[in-house]
Every structure is written in C-alpha cells, then in structure tokens.
Amino acid sequence: MTAAAVVSSVKPALDFRLEEIRRRLEAPGRRILVLTDGVEDTDASEASGPFDAAWIAPTSLEGFDVKGVGRLAAAVLRPGAPVACVIPGCWPLPEVLSRALLGVGDLPGPRRARLDGRPAPCLSAAAWREAFGPDFSWHRVRGVGVLVPVRSSGIEVERRPLVLGLLAAAEHVIGGWLVLRGLGGRILLEGVRR
C-alpha cells in the first residue's frame, strides 16, 4: 500500500460526527498530511514536510503498517502539530446488536494491521498509541459510531432524524467512556507531535 500526501485540505470527513475535527485541522494556509493507506519506507520521500497537521484515517487496517505511519508522521510533522487518527473499531456495537437481535448483517471480523512486519490482532487505541511511539502525545480518545451506525444498516436509523439526533446526543456523552469507546465503528485519537 502507498501513502498519499495531500497539501490542500482534508477531504470531506468520513462521518458527520468528525466534522468538528476536520474543521479544526483545516485552517487557511495550513499544510495537512492526509494518510488513508499503509506506508512503505520508500514513501517518506513523497511527503516532504514540514506539515502543520495530520489526518490519518485508514480505509482498512488490513496490512496497514502502524509503526511505519508513525515514523513517517514524526519525520514530516512540525513539533506541536495536531494529529487526528480515525481507526476502524474491532467490534462496532450497532453491527453486533443488529446481528444478535435482528439477524441483520454479519458479525464484524477482526481487522488486522501490521506491527513489526507481522500481522497483529485488531488494534485498540492503546496499541495504536504505543505503535506510534514517543514522538506523539495523545490527549483524547473517543468511540465514533457507538450508538449511531457508521455505515448504512438494515435498521435505517438514518431516515429518522429524531431518533438519530437522540442517539447522536447520547453518543456524544458516552463515546469517551473507557469501556464503550472501544465499541465504536471508528475510534478517534487526537494528539500532537512532540
């Protein structure tokens, strides 16, 4: 897989609940490093720094080299640059409940990344932070899609604005809770380059 360095602006956010983060990163004149795929060592030359912020949102963790991405981001980000990582969750609660209670959809399988060249089980927020190394300081972790499905589902809650609003408000409160944040369809980590 290869890295994509985008200098202009962050593309539309993956999810409406991530818009606030996207807007915070996307200040006029800022150079933003956007990574959506894995990184090989040769890709470091494609991303010439320094960048003012980073948006790291892998479309899939299959084969994603987390330590390689951490090394690349550390090399091209200026000190103090904000970093937002949006990683797929291992067991999204809405998908698990839809399958268990309604028989709709499939149970999510483990999404594997690479650590030290070897496949690793689905990464938790703590494993992601550790893999990125000591060059980063992390200050926020939240689950996104804990109550509100990240993708369209058989429940079609997206067509019911009142239900969607109530679930989104509840998720805003519980998305940061230690136990529940790991049950999101995505996990948002925010930090800075030291």
Protein backbone atom coordinates (compact mmCIF):
# COMPACT_ATOMS: atom_id res chain seq x y z
CA MET A 1 0.00 0.00 0.00
CA THR A 2 1.14 3.54 -0.54
CA ALA A 3 0.77 6.85 1.21
CA ALA A 4 -0.97 9.86 -0.20
CA ALA A 5 0.25 13.28 0.89
CA VAL A 6 -2.37 15.93 0.30
CA VAL A 7 -1.28 19.51 0.79
CA SER A 8 -4.51 21.42 0.14
CA SER A 9 -7.24 20.45 2.57
CA VAL A 10 -8.81 17.49 4.27
CA LYS A 11 -11.33 15.80 2.01
CA PRO A 12 -14.93 15.56 3.27
CA ALA A 13 -14.94 13.87 6.64
CA LEU A 14 -15.67 10.17 6.84
CA ASP A 15 -18.60 10.79 9.11
CA PHE A 16 -20.65 13.82 10.14
CA ARG A 17 -19.53 13.40 13.76
CA LEU A 18 -15.95 14.03 12.69
CA GLU A 19 -16.69 17.39 11.02
CA GLU A 20 -15.56 19.36 14.08
CA ILE A 21 -12.15 17.71 13.99
CA ARG A 22 -11.83 18.22 10.24
CA ARG A 23 -12.67 21.93 10.56
CA ARG A 24 -10.14 22.38 13.35
CA LEU A 25 -7.37 20.89 11.20
CA GLU A 26 -8.38 22.74 8.05
CA ALA A 27 -7.23 26.30 8.74
CA PRO A 28 -6.36 28.51 5.75
CA GLY A 29 -2.72 28.19 4.72
CA ARG A 30 -2.10 25.00 6.66
CA ARG A 31 -0.34 22.07 5.03
CA ILE A 32 -2.11 18.90 6.07
CA LEU A 33 -0.71 15.41 5.74
CA VAL A 34 -3.53 13.03 4.81
CA LEU A 35 -2.84 9.30 5.05
CA THR A 36 -5.53 6.79 4.17
CA ASP A 37 -3.45 3.72 3.27
CA GLY A 38 -0.41 1.94 4.65
CA VAL A 39 3.11 3.27 4.23
CA GLU A 40 6.25 1.63 2.95
CA ASP A 41 9.67 3.05 3.85
CA THR A 42 10.14 4.38 0.31
CA ASP A 43 7.03 6.56 0.61
CA ALA A 44 8.70 9.00 3.01
CA SER A 45 10.20 10.91 0.08
CA GLU A 46 6.71 11.54 -1.36
CA ALA A 47 5.65 13.55 1.69
CA SER A 48 8.01 16.47 2.01
CA GLY A 49 7.49 18.26 5.29
CA PRO A 50 7.04 20.11 7.39
CA PHE A 51 3.28 19.69 7.65
CA ASP A 52 1.12 21.67 10.08
CA ALA A 53 -1.36 18.89 10.91
CA ALA A 54 -2.14 15.26 10.08
CA TRP A 55 -5.36 13.41 9.28
CA ILE A 56 -4.75 9.67 9.40
CA ALA A 57 -7.80 7.61 8.52
CA PRO A 58 -7.05 4.18 7.07
CA THR A 59 -9.82 2.81 4.92
CA SER A 60 -8.82 -0.65 6.12
CA LEU A 61 -6.37 -1.94 8.70
CA GLU A 62 -5.59 -4.99 6.55
CA GLY A 63 -1.83 -4.74 6.04
CA PHE A 64 -1.67 -1.21 7.49
CA ASP A 65 1.84 -0.63 8.92
CA VAL A 66 1.10 1.44 12.02
CA LYS A 67 4.73 1.90 13.10
CA GLY A 68 5.68 2.93 9.54
CA VAL A 69 2.94 5.56 9.53
CA GLY A 70 4.10 6.77 12.95
CA ARG A 71 7.69 7.11 11.72
CA LEU A 72 6.59 8.98 8.59
CA ALA A 73 4.33 11.34 10.56
CA ALA A 74 7.11 12.01 13.11
CA ALA A 75 9.54 12.82 10.28
CA VAL A 76 7.32 15.29 8.40
CA LEU A 77 5.21 17.00 11.10
CA ARG A 78 6.44 20.11 12.81
CA PRO A 79 6.59 20.00 16.64
CA GLY A 80 3.23 20.86 18.17
CA ALA A 81 1.30 19.84 15.04
CA PRO A 82 -2.13 18.36 15.82
CA VAL A 83 -2.78 14.78 14.76
CA ALA A 84 -6.18 13.13 14.30
CA CYS A 85 -6.33 9.38 13.71
CA VAL A 86 -9.59 7.64 12.84
CA ILE A 87 -9.16 3.88 13.00
CA PRO A 88 -11.74 1.16 12.37
CA GLY A 89 -13.18 -0.33 15.54
CA CYS A 90 -12.96 -4.07 16.13
CA TRP A 91 -16.50 -4.74 17.35
CA PRO A 92 -18.91 -1.91 16.42
CA LEU A 93 -21.83 -2.12 18.84
CA PRO A 94 -24.60 -1.29 16.31
CA GLU A 95 -23.41 -4.04 13.95
CA VAL A 96 -23.12 -6.59 16.76
CA LEU A 97 -26.59 -5.72 18.11
CA SER A 98 -28.16 -5.73 14.63
CA ARG A 99 -26.84 -9.22 14.04
CA ALA A 100 -27.66 -10.54 17.51
CA LEU A 101 -31.16 -9.03 17.92
CA LEU A 102 -32.46 -8.71 14.36
CA GLY A 103 -30.40 -11.23 12.41
CA VAL A 104 -29.39 -8.44 10.01
CA GLY A 105 -25.87 -8.28 8.57
CA ASP A 106 -22.77 -10.18 9.53
CA LEU A 107 -20.72 -10.02 12.69
CA PRO A 108 -17.69 -7.84 12.12
CA GLY A 109 -14.48 -9.81 11.84
CA PRO A 110 -11.16 -8.78 13.30
CA ARG A 111 -9.44 -6.09 11.28
CA ARG A 112 -5.73 -6.78 11.26
CA ALA A 113 -2.82 -4.39 11.00
CA ARG A 114 0.93 -4.97 10.82
CA LEU A 115 3.31 -4.37 13.68
CA ASP A 116 7.00 -5.08 13.09
CA GLY A 117 6.13 -6.75 9.79
CA ARG A 118 3.87 -9.33 11.45
CA PRO A 119 0.07 -9.43 11.42
CA ALA A 120 -1.40 -8.14 14.67
CA PRO A 121 -4.89 -8.56 16.07
CA CYS A 122 -7.32 -5.69 15.77
CA LEU A 123 -5.67 -2.68 17.34
CA SER A 124 -7.03 -0.93 20.39
CA ALA A 125 -6.42 2.75 20.97
CA ALA A 126 -3.66 1.88 23.47
CA ALA A 127 -1.87 -0.39 20.96
CA TRP A 128 -2.13 2.34 18.29
CA ARG A 129 -0.62 4.96 20.63
CA GLU A 130 2.19 2.60 21.62
CA ALA A 131 2.94 1.76 17.97
CA PHE A 132 3.21 5.46 17.08
CA GLY A 133 5.96 5.79 19.65
CA PRO A 134 7.22 8.52 21.98
CA ASP A 135 7.18 11.29 19.34
CA PHE A 136 3.46 11.85 19.95
CA SER A 137 1.40 12.93 22.92
CA TRP A 138 -2.25 11.78 22.93
CA HIS A 139 -4.93 13.67 24.82
CA ARG A 140 -8.31 12.37 23.58
CA VAL A 141 -9.79 9.00 22.62
CA ARG A 142 -13.45 8.51 21.74
CA GLY A 143 -15.62 5.98 20.04
CA VAL A 144 -17.48 7.17 16.95
CA GLY A 145 -20.46 5.09 15.93
CA VAL A 146 -21.02 3.52 19.35
CA LEU A 147 -24.79 4.08 19.17
CA VAL A 148 -25.26 5.58 15.72
CA PRO A 149 -24.29 3.23 12.89
CA VAL A 150 -21.28 4.43 10.94
CA ARG A 151 -22.45 2.76 7.75
CA SER A 152 -25.96 2.37 6.44
CA SER A 153 -27.61 -0.53 8.17
CA GLY A 154 -30.74 -2.60 7.94
CA ILE A 155 -32.24 -0.56 10.79
CA GLU A 156 -32.24 2.59 8.63
CA VAL A 157 -31.98 4.89 11.64
CA GLU A 158 -30.59 7.49 9.22
CA ARG A 159 -34.14 8.09 7.92
CA ARG A 160 -35.46 9.01 11.37
CA PRO A 161 -33.96 12.38 12.29
CA LEU A 162 -35.34 12.49 15.84
CA VAL A 163 -34.00 9.02 16.70
CA LEU A 164 -30.70 9.83 15.00
CA GLY A 165 -30.41 13.09 16.97
CA LEU A 166 -31.14 11.40 20.29
CA LEU A 167 -28.64 8.62 19.61
CA ALA A 168 -26.00 11.13 18.49
CA ALA A 169 -26.51 13.22 21.65
CA ALA A 170 -26.21 10.12 23.85
CA GLU A 171 -23.14 9.00 21.92
CA HIS A 172 -21.52 12.40 22.45
CA VAL A 173 -21.74 11.72 26.19
CA ILE A 174 -20.76 8.04 26.28
CA GLY A 175 -18.30 7.96 23.34
CA GLY A 176 -15.43 8.84 25.66
CA TRP A 177 -16.26 6.29 28.35
CA LEU A 178 -13.42 3.81 28.74
CA VAL A 179 -15.41 0.63 28.16
CA LEU A 180 -17.74 1.94 25.43
CA ARG A 181 -15.27 3.84 23.27
CA GLY A 182 -13.81 0.57 22.03
CA LEU A 183 -17.27 -0.43 20.72
CA GLY A 184 -17.42 2.31 18.11
CA GLY A 185 -17.39 1.70 14.39
CA ARG A 186 -14.39 4.01 14.44
CA ILE A 187 -12.08 5.17 17.18
CA LEU A 188 -10.87 8.76 17.14
CA LEU A 189 -7.48 9.55 18.66
CA GLU A 190 -6.31 13.14 18.94
CA GLY A 191 -2.83 14.23 19.87
CA VAL A 192 0.14 16.38 18.94
CA ARG A 193 3.62 15.85 17.58
CA ARG A 194 6.07 16.46 20.44
